[in-house]
Amino acid sequence: QVQLVESGGGLVQAGGSLRLSCAASGRSFSSYTMGWFRQAPGKEREFVAGINWGAGNTYYADSVKGRFTISRDNAKNTVYLQMNSLKPEDTAVYYCAADSGIKYGSRWYGPYDYWGQGTQVTVSS
């Protein structure tokens, strides 16, 4: 069982930056693929970024490529999402997810075994 707790959300002006954190419980964190998703009001949840257990393989949605960076610290059981050059369309609830499988290709988009409760990110224009 893995429990995920996100933090770091908030209100920021367009062009600004935020760093989200996701703290995971459980002894096998380093073996899990981690992902970030987001859901804006009235829209479906969408994949944002993912990182495999070895941290050598990452994947990004086209909409955030070059602006967001996913990373992980297995010693701290934490995955991060550094978000730069934020835009109003990045406004959403951001969710952390974990899966015991290796992700590649379309598997980055799901399914994931565990989900956090989400953290709100609001970007003002």
N, C-alpha and C. Protein backbone atom coordinates (compact mmCIF):
# COMPACT_ATOMS: atom_id res chain seq x y z
N GLN A 1 0.85 -1.19 0.00
CA GLN A 1 0.00 0.00 0.00
C GLN A 1 0.88 1.24 0.00
N VAL A 2 0.51 2.21 -0.81
CA VAL A 2 1.24 3.47 -0.89
C VAL A 2 0.26 4.61 -0.66
N GLN A 3 0.62 5.53 0.19
CA GLN A 3 -0.18 6.74 0.39
C GLN A 3 0.60 7.93 -0.13
N LEU A 4 -0.10 8.82 -0.83
CA LEU A 4 0.54 9.96 -1.48
C LEU A 4 -0.09 11.25 -0.97
N VAL A 5 0.76 12.22 -0.63
CA VAL A 5 0.28 13.50 -0.14
C VAL A 5 0.99 14.61 -0.92
N GLU A 6 0.21 15.39 -1.66
CA GLU A 6 0.76 16.49 -2.44
C GLU A 6 0.80 17.77 -1.61
N SER A 7 1.72 18.64 -1.97
CA SER A 7 1.80 19.96 -1.36
C SER A 7 2.48 20.91 -2.34
N GLY A 8 2.41 22.20 -2.04
CA GLY A 8 3.11 23.18 -2.85
C GLY A 8 2.25 23.97 -3.80
N GLY A 9 0.96 23.65 -3.86
CA GLY A 9 0.09 24.41 -4.73
C GLY A 9 -0.17 25.80 -4.19
N GLY A 10 -0.80 26.63 -5.00
CA GLY A 10 -1.11 27.98 -4.56
C GLY A 10 -1.49 28.87 -5.72
N LEU A 11 -1.49 30.17 -5.44
CA LEU A 11 -1.84 31.18 -6.44
C LEU A 11 -0.56 31.85 -6.92
N VAL A 12 -0.40 31.95 -8.22
CA VAL A 12 0.79 32.57 -8.79
C VAL A 12 0.39 33.34 -10.04
N GLN A 13 1.13 34.38 -10.34
CA GLN A 13 0.86 35.15 -11.55
C GLN A 13 1.43 34.43 -12.77
N ALA A 14 0.86 34.71 -13.91
CA ALA A 14 1.36 34.15 -15.16
C ALA A 14 2.84 34.50 -15.32
N GLY A 15 3.60 33.52 -15.76
CA GLY A 15 5.03 33.68 -15.89
C GLY A 15 5.81 33.25 -14.67
N GLY A 16 5.12 33.02 -13.58
CA GLY A 16 5.76 32.63 -12.35
C GLY A 16 6.05 31.14 -12.27
N SER A 17 6.53 30.72 -11.10
CA SER A 17 6.93 29.33 -10.90
C SER A 17 6.35 28.79 -9.59
N LEU A 18 6.16 27.50 -9.57
CA LEU A 18 5.79 26.76 -8.37
C LEU A 18 6.48 25.41 -8.40
N ARG A 19 6.74 24.86 -7.23
CA ARG A 19 7.24 23.50 -7.16
C ARG A 19 6.28 22.66 -6.31
N LEU A 20 5.73 21.65 -6.92
CA LEU A 20 4.86 20.72 -6.21
C LEU A 20 5.69 19.57 -5.67
N SER A 21 5.28 19.08 -4.52
CA SER A 21 5.92 17.91 -3.93
C SER A 21 4.86 16.84 -3.68
N CYS A 22 5.29 15.61 -3.73
CA CYS A 22 4.42 14.49 -3.42
C CYS A 22 5.20 13.54 -2.53
N ALA A 23 4.79 13.47 -1.28
CA ALA A 23 5.45 12.58 -0.31
C ALA A 23 4.72 11.25 -0.28
N ALA A 24 5.49 10.19 -0.40
CA ALA A 24 4.91 8.84 -0.45
C ALA A 24 5.29 8.04 0.78
N SER A 25 4.34 7.28 1.27
CA SER A 25 4.64 6.32 2.33
C SER A 25 4.92 4.97 1.70
N GLY A 26 5.50 4.07 2.46
CA GLY A 26 5.76 2.75 1.91
C GLY A 26 7.23 2.51 1.67
N ARG A 27 7.64 1.27 1.78
CA ARG A 27 9.05 0.93 1.69
C ARG A 27 9.54 0.73 0.28
N SER A 28 8.63 0.65 -0.68
CA SER A 28 9.04 0.32 -2.05
C SER A 28 8.93 1.50 -2.99
N PHE A 29 8.99 2.70 -2.44
CA PHE A 29 8.80 3.90 -3.26
C PHE A 29 9.74 3.90 -4.45
N SER A 30 10.98 3.53 -4.22
CA SER A 30 11.99 3.63 -5.29
C SER A 30 11.68 2.73 -6.47
N SER A 31 10.81 1.75 -6.29
CA SER A 31 10.48 0.84 -7.39
C SER A 31 9.23 1.25 -8.15
N TYR A 32 8.60 2.34 -7.74
CA TYR A 32 7.35 2.78 -8.36
C TYR A 32 7.61 3.82 -9.44
N THR A 33 6.85 3.72 -10.50
CA THR A 33 6.76 4.82 -11.46
C THR A 33 5.83 5.87 -10.87
N MET A 34 6.22 7.12 -10.99
CA MET A 34 5.43 8.23 -10.45
C MET A 34 4.95 9.13 -11.57
N GLY A 35 3.76 9.65 -11.39
CA GLY A 35 3.21 10.54 -12.40
C GLY A 35 2.50 11.73 -11.77
N TRP A 36 2.41 12.78 -12.54
CA TRP A 36 1.60 13.94 -12.18
C TRP A 36 0.49 14.09 -13.22
N PHE A 37 -0.70 14.32 -12.73
CA PHE A 37 -1.87 14.58 -13.56
C PHE A 37 -2.51 15.88 -13.10
N ARG A 38 -3.41 16.41 -13.91
CA ARG A 38 -4.15 17.59 -13.48
C ARG A 38 -5.56 17.55 -14.04
N GLN A 39 -6.45 18.24 -13.33
CA GLN A 39 -7.84 18.33 -13.78
C GLN A 39 -8.34 19.74 -13.57
N ALA A 40 -8.69 20.38 -14.66
CA ALA A 40 -9.26 21.72 -14.62
C ALA A 40 -10.77 21.62 -14.52
N PRO A 41 -11.44 22.66 -14.02
CA PRO A 41 -12.90 22.62 -13.89
C PRO A 41 -13.57 22.32 -15.22
N GLY A 42 -14.47 21.36 -15.21
CA GLY A 42 -15.21 21.02 -16.40
C GLY A 42 -14.46 20.21 -17.43
N LYS A 43 -13.23 19.80 -17.09
CA LYS A 43 -12.41 19.04 -18.03
C LYS A 43 -12.03 17.70 -17.43
N GLU A 44 -11.63 16.78 -18.30
CA GLU A 44 -11.16 15.48 -17.84
C GLU A 44 -9.75 15.60 -17.27
N ARG A 45 -9.44 14.67 -16.40
CA ARG A 45 -8.08 14.61 -15.87
C ARG A 45 -7.11 14.28 -16.99
N GLU A 46 -5.96 14.96 -16.99
CA GLU A 46 -4.98 14.73 -18.05
C GLU A 46 -3.59 14.49 -17.47
N PHE A 47 -2.83 13.71 -18.20
CA PHE A 47 -1.45 13.41 -17.82
C PHE A 47 -0.59 14.65 -18.01
N VAL A 48 0.34 14.87 -17.07
CA VAL A 48 1.25 16.01 -17.15
C VAL A 48 2.69 15.54 -17.34
N ALA A 49 3.15 14.67 -16.44
CA ALA A 49 4.54 14.22 -16.50
C ALA A 49 4.69 12.91 -15.73
N GLY A 50 5.70 12.13 -16.10
CA GLY A 50 5.95 10.88 -15.42
C GLY A 50 7.43 10.59 -15.32
N ILE A 51 7.80 9.76 -14.35
CA ILE A 51 9.19 9.40 -14.15
C ILE A 51 9.26 7.96 -13.67
N ASN A 52 10.09 7.17 -14.32
CA ASN A 52 10.23 5.78 -13.92
C ASN A 52 11.12 5.65 -12.69
N TRP A 53 11.19 4.47 -12.14
CA TRP A 53 11.82 4.27 -10.85
C TRP A 53 13.28 4.69 -10.84
N GLY A 54 13.98 4.49 -11.93
CA GLY A 54 15.40 4.82 -11.96
C GLY A 54 15.68 6.28 -12.20
N ALA A 55 14.60 7.05 -12.46
CA ALA A 55 14.71 8.49 -12.72
C ALA A 55 15.44 8.80 -14.01
N GLY A 56 15.82 7.80 -14.75
CA GLY A 56 16.50 8.06 -16.00
C GLY A 56 15.56 8.21 -17.17
N ASN A 57 14.29 7.91 -16.94
CA ASN A 57 13.32 7.96 -18.01
C ASN A 57 12.14 8.83 -17.56
N THR A 58 11.96 9.92 -18.28
CA THR A 58 10.85 10.83 -17.98
C THR A 58 10.03 11.05 -19.24
N TYR A 59 8.81 11.52 -19.02
CA TYR A 59 7.91 11.75 -20.15
C TYR A 59 6.99 12.91 -19.80
N TYR A 60 6.71 13.77 -20.80
CA TYR A 60 5.92 14.97 -20.57
C TYR A 60 4.82 15.11 -21.60
N ALA A 61 3.73 15.70 -21.15
CA ALA A 61 2.72 16.12 -22.10
C ALA A 61 3.26 17.26 -22.94
N ASP A 62 2.84 17.34 -24.18
CA ASP A 62 3.33 18.39 -25.07
C ASP A 62 3.06 19.79 -24.50
N SER A 63 1.96 19.92 -23.78
CA SER A 63 1.55 21.24 -23.29
C SER A 63 2.48 21.79 -22.21
N VAL A 64 3.29 20.93 -21.61
CA VAL A 64 4.18 21.39 -20.52
C VAL A 64 5.65 21.18 -20.85
N LYS A 65 5.93 20.54 -21.95
CA LYS A 65 7.32 20.22 -22.31
C LYS A 65 8.12 21.51 -22.41
N GLY A 66 9.28 21.52 -21.77
CA GLY A 66 10.14 22.69 -21.78
C GLY A 66 9.85 23.68 -20.66
N ARG A 67 8.71 23.51 -19.98
CA ARG A 67 8.35 24.41 -18.88
C ARG A 67 8.33 23.68 -17.53
N PHE A 68 7.93 22.42 -17.55
CA PHE A 68 7.82 21.64 -16.31
C PHE A 68 8.93 20.59 -16.27
N THR A 69 9.38 20.29 -15.06
CA THR A 69 10.39 19.25 -14.87
C THR A 69 9.98 18.34 -13.71
N ILE A 70 9.93 17.05 -13.97
CA ILE A 70 9.63 16.08 -12.92
C ILE A 70 10.95 15.48 -12.43
N SER A 71 11.02 15.28 -11.13
CA SER A 71 12.20 14.65 -10.55
C SER A 71 11.79 13.87 -9.31
N ARG A 72 12.70 13.06 -8.81
CA ARG A 72 12.37 12.28 -7.62
C ARG A 72 13.60 12.15 -6.74
N ASP A 73 13.35 12.05 -5.44
CA ASP A 73 14.40 11.79 -4.46
C ASP A 73 13.98 10.54 -3.71
N ASN A 74 14.53 9.42 -4.10
CA ASN A 74 14.11 8.15 -3.50
C ASN A 74 14.49 8.06 -2.02
N ALA A 75 15.53 8.76 -1.61
CA ALA A 75 15.92 8.76 -0.20
C ALA A 75 14.87 9.46 0.66
N LYS A 76 14.15 10.40 0.05
CA LYS A 76 13.11 11.14 0.78
C LYS A 76 11.71 10.67 0.42
N ASN A 77 11.60 9.65 -0.41
CA ASN A 77 10.28 9.15 -0.84
C ASN A 77 9.42 10.29 -1.40
N THR A 78 10.02 11.13 -2.21
CA THR A 78 9.32 12.31 -2.70
C THR A 78 9.56 12.49 -4.19
N VAL A 79 8.50 12.88 -4.87
CA VAL A 79 8.59 13.27 -6.28
C VAL A 79 8.18 14.73 -6.39
N TYR A 80 8.82 15.43 -7.30
CA TYR A 80 8.62 16.87 -7.45
C TYR A 80 8.14 17.21 -8.86
N LEU A 81 7.46 18.32 -8.96
CA LEU A 81 7.11 18.88 -10.27
C LEU A 81 7.45 20.36 -10.22
N GLN A 82 8.54 20.73 -10.86
CA GLN A 82 8.93 22.12 -10.98
C GLN A 82 8.21 22.72 -12.17
N MET A 83 7.43 23.75 -11.92
CA MET A 83 6.62 24.37 -12.96
C MET A 83 7.08 25.80 -13.16
N ASN A 84 7.60 26.08 -14.34
CA ASN A 84 8.07 27.42 -14.69
C ASN A 84 7.21 27.99 -15.82
N SER A 85 7.32 29.28 -16.00
CA SER A 85 6.59 29.97 -17.07
C SER A 85 5.12 29.58 -17.07
N LEU A 86 4.52 29.64 -15.91
CA LEU A 86 3.14 29.19 -15.77
C LEU A 86 2.19 30.07 -16.56
N LYS A 87 1.14 29.43 -17.05
CA LYS A 87 0.12 30.10 -17.85
C LYS A 87 -1.23 29.92 -17.18
N PRO A 88 -2.18 30.81 -17.45
CA PRO A 88 -3.52 30.63 -16.85
C PRO A 88 -4.14 29.27 -17.18
N GLU A 89 -3.83 28.72 -18.33
CA GLU A 89 -4.38 27.41 -18.69
C GLU A 89 -3.75 26.26 -17.91
N ASP A 90 -2.75 26.54 -17.10
CA ASP A 90 -2.20 25.52 -16.21
C ASP A 90 -3.01 25.41 -14.92
N THR A 91 -3.97 26.29 -14.73
CA THR A 91 -4.81 26.25 -13.54
C THR A 91 -5.58 24.94 -13.47
N ALA A 92 -5.43 24.24 -12.36
CA ALA A 92 -6.05 22.92 -12.20
C ALA A 92 -5.75 22.39 -10.81
N VAL A 93 -6.41 21.30 -10.46
CA VAL A 93 -6.00 20.50 -9.31
C VAL A 93 -4.97 19.50 -9.83
N TYR A 94 -3.82 19.46 -9.18
CA TYR A 94 -2.74 18.58 -9.60
C TYR A 94 -2.68 17.36 -8.67
N TYR A 95 -2.61 16.20 -9.29
CA TYR A 95 -2.61 14.95 -8.56
C TYR A 95 -1.31 14.18 -8.81
N CYS A 96 -0.84 13.57 -7.77
CA CYS A 96 0.30 12.67 -7.84
C CYS A 96 -0.23 11.23 -7.93
N ALA A 97 0.46 10.40 -8.69
CA ALA A 97 0.04 9.01 -8.85
C ALA A 97 1.25 8.09 -8.84
N ALA A 98 1.03 6.86 -8.42
CA ALA A 98 2.11 5.87 -8.35
C ALA A 98 1.64 4.56 -8.95
N ASP A 99 2.56 3.89 -9.62
CA ASP A 99 2.25 2.59 -10.20
C ASP A 99 3.46 1.68 -10.09
N SER A 100 3.19 0.40 -9.86
CA SER A 100 4.29 -0.55 -9.69
C SER A 100 4.91 -1.01 -11.00
N GLY A 101 4.31 -0.65 -12.12
CA GLY A 101 4.82 -1.09 -13.40
C GLY A 101 5.71 -0.06 -14.06
N ILE A 102 6.49 -0.50 -15.01
CA ILE A 102 7.31 0.39 -15.82
C ILE A 102 6.42 1.03 -16.88
N LYS A 103 6.60 2.31 -17.08
CA LYS A 103 5.79 3.02 -18.06
C LYS A 103 6.59 3.33 -19.32
N TYR A 104 5.91 3.20 -20.43
CA TYR A 104 6.48 3.59 -21.71
C TYR A 104 5.33 3.77 -22.68
N GLY A 105 5.53 4.56 -23.70
CA GLY A 105 4.50 4.78 -24.71
C GLY A 105 3.20 5.23 -24.07
N SER A 106 2.11 4.64 -24.50
CA SER A 106 0.79 5.04 -24.02
C SER A 106 0.55 4.65 -22.57
N ARG A 107 1.38 3.77 -22.03
CA ARG A 107 1.21 3.35 -20.63
C ARG A 107 1.46 4.49 -19.65
N TRP A 108 2.15 5.55 -20.09
CA TRP A 108 2.35 6.70 -19.22
C TRP A 108 1.02 7.29 -18.77
N TYR A 109 -0.01 7.14 -19.59
CA TYR A 109 -1.28 7.78 -19.31
C TYR A 109 -2.14 6.97 -18.35
N GLY A 110 -1.75 5.79 -18.03
CA GLY A 110 -2.46 4.99 -17.05
C GLY A 110 -2.54 3.53 -17.44
N PRO A 111 -3.07 2.70 -16.54
CA PRO A 111 -3.58 3.06 -15.22
C PRO A 111 -2.47 3.20 -14.18
N TYR A 112 -2.80 3.84 -13.08
CA TYR A 112 -1.93 3.98 -11.93
C TYR A 112 -2.63 3.37 -10.71
N ASP A 113 -1.83 2.77 -9.83
CA ASP A 113 -2.41 2.05 -8.70
C ASP A 113 -2.88 2.97 -7.58
N TYR A 114 -2.15 4.05 -7.33
CA TYR A 114 -2.42 4.89 -6.17
C TYR A 114 -2.46 6.37 -6.58
N TRP A 115 -3.30 7.11 -5.86
CA TRP A 115 -3.50 8.54 -6.15
C TRP A 115 -3.49 9.36 -4.87
N GLY A 116 -2.99 10.58 -4.98
CA GLY A 116 -3.08 11.52 -3.89
C GLY A 116 -4.40 12.27 -3.93
N GLN A 117 -4.57 13.18 -2.98
CA GLN A 117 -5.84 13.90 -2.86
C GLN A 117 -5.87 15.17 -3.71
N GLY A 118 -4.72 15.58 -4.19
CA GLY A 118 -4.65 16.74 -5.07
C GLY A 118 -4.27 18.03 -4.37
N THR A 119 -3.69 18.94 -5.14
CA THR A 119 -3.35 20.27 -4.64
C THR A 119 -3.71 21.29 -5.72
N GLN A 120 -4.32 22.39 -5.32
CA GLN A 120 -4.83 23.38 -6.27
C GLN A 120 -3.70 24.30 -6.74
N VAL A 121 -3.62 24.49 -8.03
CA VAL A 121 -2.72 25.47 -8.63
C VAL A 121 -3.58 26.45 -9.42
N THR A 122 -3.44 27.73 -9.10
CA THR A 122 -4.19 28.77 -9.78
C THR A 122 -3.21 29.79 -10.35
N VAL A 123 -3.29 30.02 -11.65
CA VAL A 123 -2.41 30.96 -12.32
C VAL A 123 -3.26 32.13 -12.80
N SER A 124 -2.97 33.31 -12.29
CA SER A 124 -3.73 34.50 -12.67
C SER A 124 -3.07 35.20 -13.85
N SER A 125 -3.90 35.83 -14.67
CA SER A 125 -3.38 36.51 -15.86
C SER A 125 -3.03 37.96 -15.57
